[in-house]
Amino acid sequence: MIEVRINYQGNQIVSFQVKGHAGFAPAGQDIYCAGVSAVAQTTLLGLCINLSKQPEYQVEEGWLQCYLPAELDQEDMEKAQIILSTMEAGMLAMKDAYSNFIKLEVRRS
Protein backbone atom coordinates (compact mmCIF):
# COMPACT_ATOMS: atom_id res chain seq x y z
CA MET A 1 0.00 0.00 0.00
CA ILE A 2 1.24 3.48 -0.87
CA GLU A 3 0.59 5.92 1.96
CA VAL A 4 0.37 9.64 1.26
CA ARG A 5 0.11 12.13 4.10
CA ILE A 6 -0.54 15.83 3.56
CA ASN A 7 -0.06 18.12 6.56
CA TYR A 8 -1.84 21.43 7.01
CA GLN A 9 -1.13 24.21 9.45
CA GLY A 10 -4.27 26.28 9.53
CA ASN A 11 -5.45 26.47 5.93
CA GLN A 12 -2.01 25.98 4.35
CA ILE A 13 -0.24 22.80 3.33
CA VAL A 14 3.18 22.79 5.00
CA SER A 15 4.50 19.29 4.26
CA PHE A 16 3.80 15.95 2.65
CA GLN A 17 5.13 12.41 2.84
CA VAL A 18 4.81 9.46 0.48
CA LYS A 19 5.91 5.99 1.53
CA GLY A 20 5.52 2.38 0.59
CA HIS A 21 4.82 0.42 -2.54
CA ALA A 22 1.55 -0.61 -4.14
CA GLY A 23 2.63 -4.21 -4.67
CA PHE A 24 0.67 -4.43 -7.92
CA ALA A 25 3.67 -5.39 -10.04
CA PRO A 26 7.44 -5.84 -9.67
CA ALA A 27 9.52 -2.78 -8.89
CA GLY A 28 9.94 -0.63 -11.97
CA GLN A 29 6.73 -1.97 -13.54
CA ASP A 30 4.10 -0.89 -11.00
CA ILE A 31 1.82 1.72 -12.59
CA TYR A 32 0.39 2.86 -9.25
CA CYS A 33 3.83 3.49 -7.77
CA ALA A 34 4.86 5.26 -10.95
CA GLY A 35 1.81 7.53 -10.90
CA VAL A 36 2.17 8.54 -7.25
CA SER A 37 5.93 8.95 -7.61
CA ALA A 38 5.54 11.17 -10.67
CA VAL A 39 3.08 13.46 -8.91
CA ALA A 40 5.18 13.66 -5.71
CA GLN A 41 8.48 14.24 -7.50
CA THR A 42 6.97 16.82 -9.86
CA THR A 43 5.57 18.64 -6.84
CA LEU A 44 8.99 18.70 -5.20
CA LEU A 45 10.59 19.90 -8.45
CA GLY A 46 7.97 22.64 -8.81
CA LEU A 47 8.67 23.87 -5.30
CA CYS A 48 12.44 23.82 -5.85
CA ILE A 49 12.15 25.76 -9.12
CA ASN A 50 9.56 28.33 -8.07
CA LEU A 51 10.40 29.24 -4.47
CA SER A 52 13.20 31.60 -3.46
CA LYS A 53 13.99 29.29 -0.49
CA GLN A 54 14.40 25.58 -1.09
CA PRO A 55 12.10 23.15 0.71
CA GLU A 56 13.61 20.60 3.06
CA TYR A 57 13.25 17.15 1.56
CA GLN A 58 14.43 13.57 1.69
CA VAL A 59 14.09 11.02 -1.09
CA GLU A 60 14.89 7.34 -0.69
CA GLU A 61 13.62 4.07 -2.12
CA GLY A 62 9.89 4.04 -1.35
CA TRP A 63 10.03 7.30 0.62
CA LEU A 64 9.71 11.01 -0.11
CA GLN A 65 9.09 13.74 2.42
CA CYS A 66 9.01 17.46 1.85
CA TYR A 67 8.63 20.42 4.22
CA LEU A 68 8.20 24.05 3.27
CA PRO A 69 10.83 26.40 4.68
CA ALA A 70 9.72 28.02 7.95
CA GLU A 71 9.72 31.63 6.77
CA LEU A 72 8.33 32.03 3.28
CA ASP A 73 7.19 35.44 2.12
CA GLN A 74 3.59 35.81 0.97
CA GLU A 75 4.40 35.48 -2.73
CA ASP A 76 6.33 32.25 -2.23
CA MET A 77 3.64 30.86 0.08
CA GLU A 78 1.00 31.55 -2.55
CA LYS A 79 3.09 29.76 -5.19
CA ALA A 80 3.68 26.85 -2.83
CA GLN A 81 -0.03 26.49 -2.07
CA ILE A 82 -0.92 26.36 -5.77
CA ILE A 83 1.67 23.64 -6.36
CA LEU A 84 0.75 21.68 -3.23
CA SER A 85 -3.03 21.93 -3.68
CA THR A 86 -2.61 20.65 -7.24
CA MET A 87 -0.63 17.71 -5.83
CA GLU A 88 -3.38 17.09 -3.27
CA ALA A 89 -6.02 17.05 -6.02
CA GLY A 90 -3.99 14.55 -8.05
CA MET A 91 -3.36 12.28 -5.07
CA LEU A 92 -7.03 12.42 -4.08
CA ALA A 93 -8.13 11.47 -7.60
CA MET A 94 -5.72 8.52 -7.67
CA LYS A 95 -6.78 7.41 -4.18
CA ASP A 96 -10.45 7.56 -5.17
CA ALA A 97 -9.81 5.52 -8.32
CA TYR A 98 -7.35 3.02 -6.81
CA SER A 99 -8.12 2.79 -3.09
CA ASN A 100 -6.83 -0.80 -2.94
CA PHE A 101 -3.32 0.52 -3.62
CA ILE A 102 -3.25 4.13 -2.37
CA LYS A 103 -4.15 5.55 1.04
CA LEU A 104 -4.40 9.32 1.57
CA GLU A 105 -4.38 10.98 4.99
CA VAL A 106 -4.84 14.72 5.47
CA ARG A 107 -3.77 16.06 8.87
CA ARG A 108 -4.82 19.49 10.07
CA SER A 109 -3.39 21.37 13.04
C-alpha atoms as a PDB file:
ATOM      1  CA  MET A   1       0.000   0.000   0.000  1.00  0.00           C
ATOM      2  CA  ILE A   2       1.244   3.479  -0.869  1.00  0.00           C
ATOM      3  CA  GLU A   3       0.585   5.916   1.964  1.00  0.00           C
ATOM      4  CA  VAL A   4       0.373   9.640   1.257  1.00  0.00           C
ATOM      5  CA  ARG A   5       0.107  12.133   4.102  1.00  0.00           C
ATOM      6  CA  ILE A   6      -0.539  15.831   3.564  1.00  0.00           C
ATOM      7  CA  ASN A   7      -0.060  18.118   6.565  1.00  0.00           C
ATOM      8  CA  TYR A   8      -1.840  21.429   7.006  1.00  0.00           C
ATOM      9  CA  GLN A   9      -1.128  24.212   9.451  1.00  0.00           C
ATOM     10  CA  GLY A  10      -4.267  26.280   9.534  1.00  0.00           C
ATOM     11  CA  ASN A  11      -5.447  26.475   5.929  1.00  0.00           C
ATOM     12  CA  GLN A  12      -2.006  25.984   4.349  1.00  0.00           C
ATOM     13  CA  ILE A  13      -0.236  22.801   3.332  1.00  0.00           C
ATOM     14  CA  VAL A  14       3.184  22.787   5.004  1.00  0.00           C
ATOM     15  CA  SER A  15       4.495  19.287   4.257  1.00  0.00           C
ATOM     16  CA  PHE A  16       3.804  15.948   2.645  1.00  0.00           C
ATOM     17  CA  GLN A  17       5.127  12.412   2.836  1.00  0.00           C
ATOM     18  CA  VAL A  18       4.810   9.465   0.476  1.00  0.00           C
ATOM     19  CA  LYS A  19       5.906   5.994   1.529  1.00  0.00           C
ATOM     20  CA  GLY A  20       5.520   2.378   0.592  1.00  0.00           C
ATOM     21  CA  HIS A  21       4.818   0.415  -2.544  1.00  0.00           C
ATOM     22  CA  ALA A  22       1.554  -0.610  -4.141  1.00  0.00           C
ATOM     23  CA  GLY A  23       2.628  -4.214  -4.667  1.00  0.00           C
ATOM     24  CA  PHE A  24       0.672  -4.428  -7.919  1.00  0.00           C
ATOM     25  CA  ALA A  25       3.669  -5.389 -10.044  1.00  0.00           C
ATOM     26  CA  PRO A  26       7.442  -5.844  -9.673  1.00  0.00           C
ATOM     27  CA  ALA A  27       9.524  -2.778  -8.887  1.00  0.00           C
ATOM     28  CA  GLY A  28       9.937  -0.632 -11.967  1.00  0.00           C
ATOM     29  CA  GLN A  29       6.734  -1.974 -13.537  1.00  0.00           C
ATOM     30  CA  ASP A  30       4.102  -0.885 -11.003  1.00  0.00           C
ATOM     31  CA  ILE A  31       1.816   1.716 -12.590  1.00  0.00           C
ATOM     32  CA  TYR A  32       0.389   2.857  -9.248  1.00  0.00           C
ATOM     33  CA  CYS A  33       3.834   3.495  -7.774  1.00  0.00           C
ATOM     34  CA  ALA A  34       4.862   5.261 -10.954  1.00  0.00           C
ATOM     35  CA  GLY A  35       1.811   7.530 -10.899  1.00  0.00           C
ATOM     36  CA  VAL A  36       2.170   8.542  -7.252  1.00  0.00           C
ATOM     37  CA  SER A  37       5.926   8.951  -7.609  1.00  0.00           C
ATOM     38  CA  ALA A  38       5.544  11.171 -10.668  1.00  0.00           C
ATOM     39  CA  VAL A  39       3.081  13.464  -8.909  1.00  0.00           C
ATOM     40  CA  ALA A  40       5.182  13.660  -5.713  1.00  0.00           C
ATOM     41  CA  GLN A  41       8.483  14.243  -7.496  1.00  0.00           C
ATOM     42  CA  THR A  42       6.975  16.818  -9.857  1.00  0.00           C
ATOM     43  CA  THR A  43       5.570  18.643  -6.838  1.00  0.00           C
ATOM     44  CA  LEU A  44       8.988  18.695  -5.204  1.00  0.00           C
ATOM     45  CA  LEU A  45      10.594  19.895  -8.448  1.00  0.00           C
ATOM     46  CA  GLY A  46       7.967  22.637  -8.811  1.00  0.00           C
ATOM     47  CA  LEU A  47       8.669  23.875  -5.296  1.00  0.00           C
ATOM     48  CA  CYS A  48      12.438  23.822  -5.852  1.00  0.00           C
ATOM     49  CA  ILE A  49      12.154  25.759  -9.116  1.00  0.00           C
ATOM     50  CA  ASN A  50       9.556  28.328  -8.069  1.00  0.00           C
ATOM     51  CA  LEU A  51      10.396  29.243  -4.474  1.00  0.00           C
ATOM     52  CA  SER A  52      13.197  31.595  -3.455  1.00  0.00           C
ATOM     53  CA  LYS A  53      13.988  29.293  -0.487  1.00  0.00           C
ATOM     54  CA  GLN A  54      14.401  25.579  -1.087  1.00  0.00           C
ATOM     55  CA  PRO A  55      12.099  23.145   0.710  1.00  0.00           C
ATOM     56  CA  GLU A  56      13.613  20.603   3.060  1.00  0.00           C
ATOM     57  CA  TYR A  57      13.245  17.148   1.559  1.00  0.00           C
ATOM     58  CA  GLN A  58      14.429  13.569   1.693  1.00  0.00           C
ATOM     59  CA  VAL A  59      14.093  11.021  -1.091  1.00  0.00           C
ATOM     60  CA  GLU A  60      14.894   7.339  -0.688  1.00  0.00           C
ATOM     61  CA  GLU A  61      13.616   4.068  -2.121  1.00  0.00           C
ATOM     62  CA  GLY A  62       9.885   4.042  -1.346  1.00  0.00           C
ATOM     63  CA  TRP A  63      10.031   7.300   0.624  1.00  0.00           C
ATOM     64  CA  LEU A  64       9.712  11.008  -0.114  1.00  0.00           C
ATOM     65  CA  GLN A  65       9.093  13.736   2.419  1.00  0.00           C
ATOM     66  CA  CYS A  66       9.012  17.465   1.849  1.00  0.00           C
ATOM     67  CA  TYR A  67       8.629  20.417   4.220  1.00  0.00           C
ATOM     68  CA  LEU A  68       8.198  24.047   3.271  1.00  0.00           C
ATOM     69  CA  PRO A  69      10.834  26.404   4.682  1.00  0.00           C
ATOM     70  CA  ALA A  70       9.717  28.019   7.946  1.00  0.00           C
ATOM     71  CA  GLU A  71       9.718  31.626   6.767  1.00  0.00           C
ATOM     72  CA  LEU A  72       8.328  32.031   3.277  1.00  0.00           C
ATOM     73  CA  ASP A  73       7.190  35.437   2.118  1.00  0.00           C
ATOM     74  CA  GLN A  74       3.592  35.810   0.973  1.00  0.00           C
ATOM     75  CA  GLU A  75       4.398  35.484  -2.730  1.00  0.00           C
ATOM     76  CA  ASP A  76       6.332  32.247  -2.228  1.00  0.00           C
ATOM     77  CA  MET A  77       3.641  30.856   0.081  1.00  0.00           C
ATOM     78  CA  GLU A  78       0.995  31.546  -2.555  1.00  0.00           C
ATOM     79  CA  LYS A  79       3.092  29.759  -5.191  1.00  0.00           C
ATOM     80  CA  ALA A  80       3.680  26.845  -2.830  1.00  0.00           C
ATOM     81  CA  GLN A  81      -0.028  26.495  -2.073  1.00  0.00           C
ATOM     82  CA  ILE A  82      -0.923  26.364  -5.767  1.00  0.00           C
ATOM     83  CA  ILE A  83       1.668  23.645  -6.363  1.00  0.00           C
ATOM     84  CA  LEU A  84       0.748  21.679  -3.227  1.00  0.00           C
ATOM     85  CA  SER A  85      -3.026  21.931  -3.684  1.00  0.00           C
ATOM     86  CA  THR A  86      -2.608  20.645  -7.239  1.00  0.00           C
ATOM     87  CA  MET A  87      -0.634  17.707  -5.834  1.00  0.00           C
ATOM     88  CA  GLU A  88      -3.380  17.091  -3.274  1.00  0.00           C
ATOM     89  CA  ALA A  89      -6.024  17.052  -6.019  1.00  0.00           C
ATOM     90  CA  GLY A  90      -3.992  14.550  -8.050  1.00  0.00           C
ATOM     91  CA  MET A  91      -3.359  12.276  -5.074  1.00  0.00           C
ATOM     92  CA  LEU A  92      -7.031  12.415  -4.085  1.00  0.00           C
ATOM     93  CA  ALA A  93      -8.129  11.469  -7.602  1.00  0.00           C
ATOM     94  CA  MET A  94      -5.716   8.524  -7.667  1.00  0.00           C
ATOM     95  CA  LYS A  95      -6.784   7.410  -4.183  1.00  0.00           C
ATOM     96  CA  ASP A  96     -10.453   7.562  -5.172  1.00  0.00           C
ATOM     97  CA  ALA A  97      -9.814   5.518  -8.318  1.00  0.00           C
ATOM     98  CA  TYR A  98      -7.345   3.020  -6.808  1.00  0.00           C
ATOM     99  CA  SER A  99      -8.119   2.789  -3.093  1.00  0.00           C
ATOM    100  CA  ASN A 100      -6.828  -0.800  -2.945  1.00  0.00           C
ATOM    101  CA  PHE A 101      -3.321   0.523  -3.617  1.00  0.00           C
ATOM    102  CA  ILE A 102      -3.249   4.134  -2.369  1.00  0.00           C
ATOM    103  CA  LYS A 103      -4.151   5.552   1.042  1.00  0.00           C
ATOM    104  CA  LEU A 104      -4.403   9.319   1.572  1.00  0.00           C
ATOM    105  CA  GLU A 105      -4.377  10.978   4.985  1.00  0.00           C
ATOM    106  CA  VAL A 106      -4.842  14.717   5.474  1.00  0.00           C
ATOM    107  CA  ARG A 107      -3.772  16.063   8.865  1.00  0.00           C
ATOM    108  CA  ARG A 108      -4.818  19.487  10.074  1.00  0.00           C
ATOM    109  CA  SER A 109      -3.392  21.368  13.037  1.00  0.00           C
END
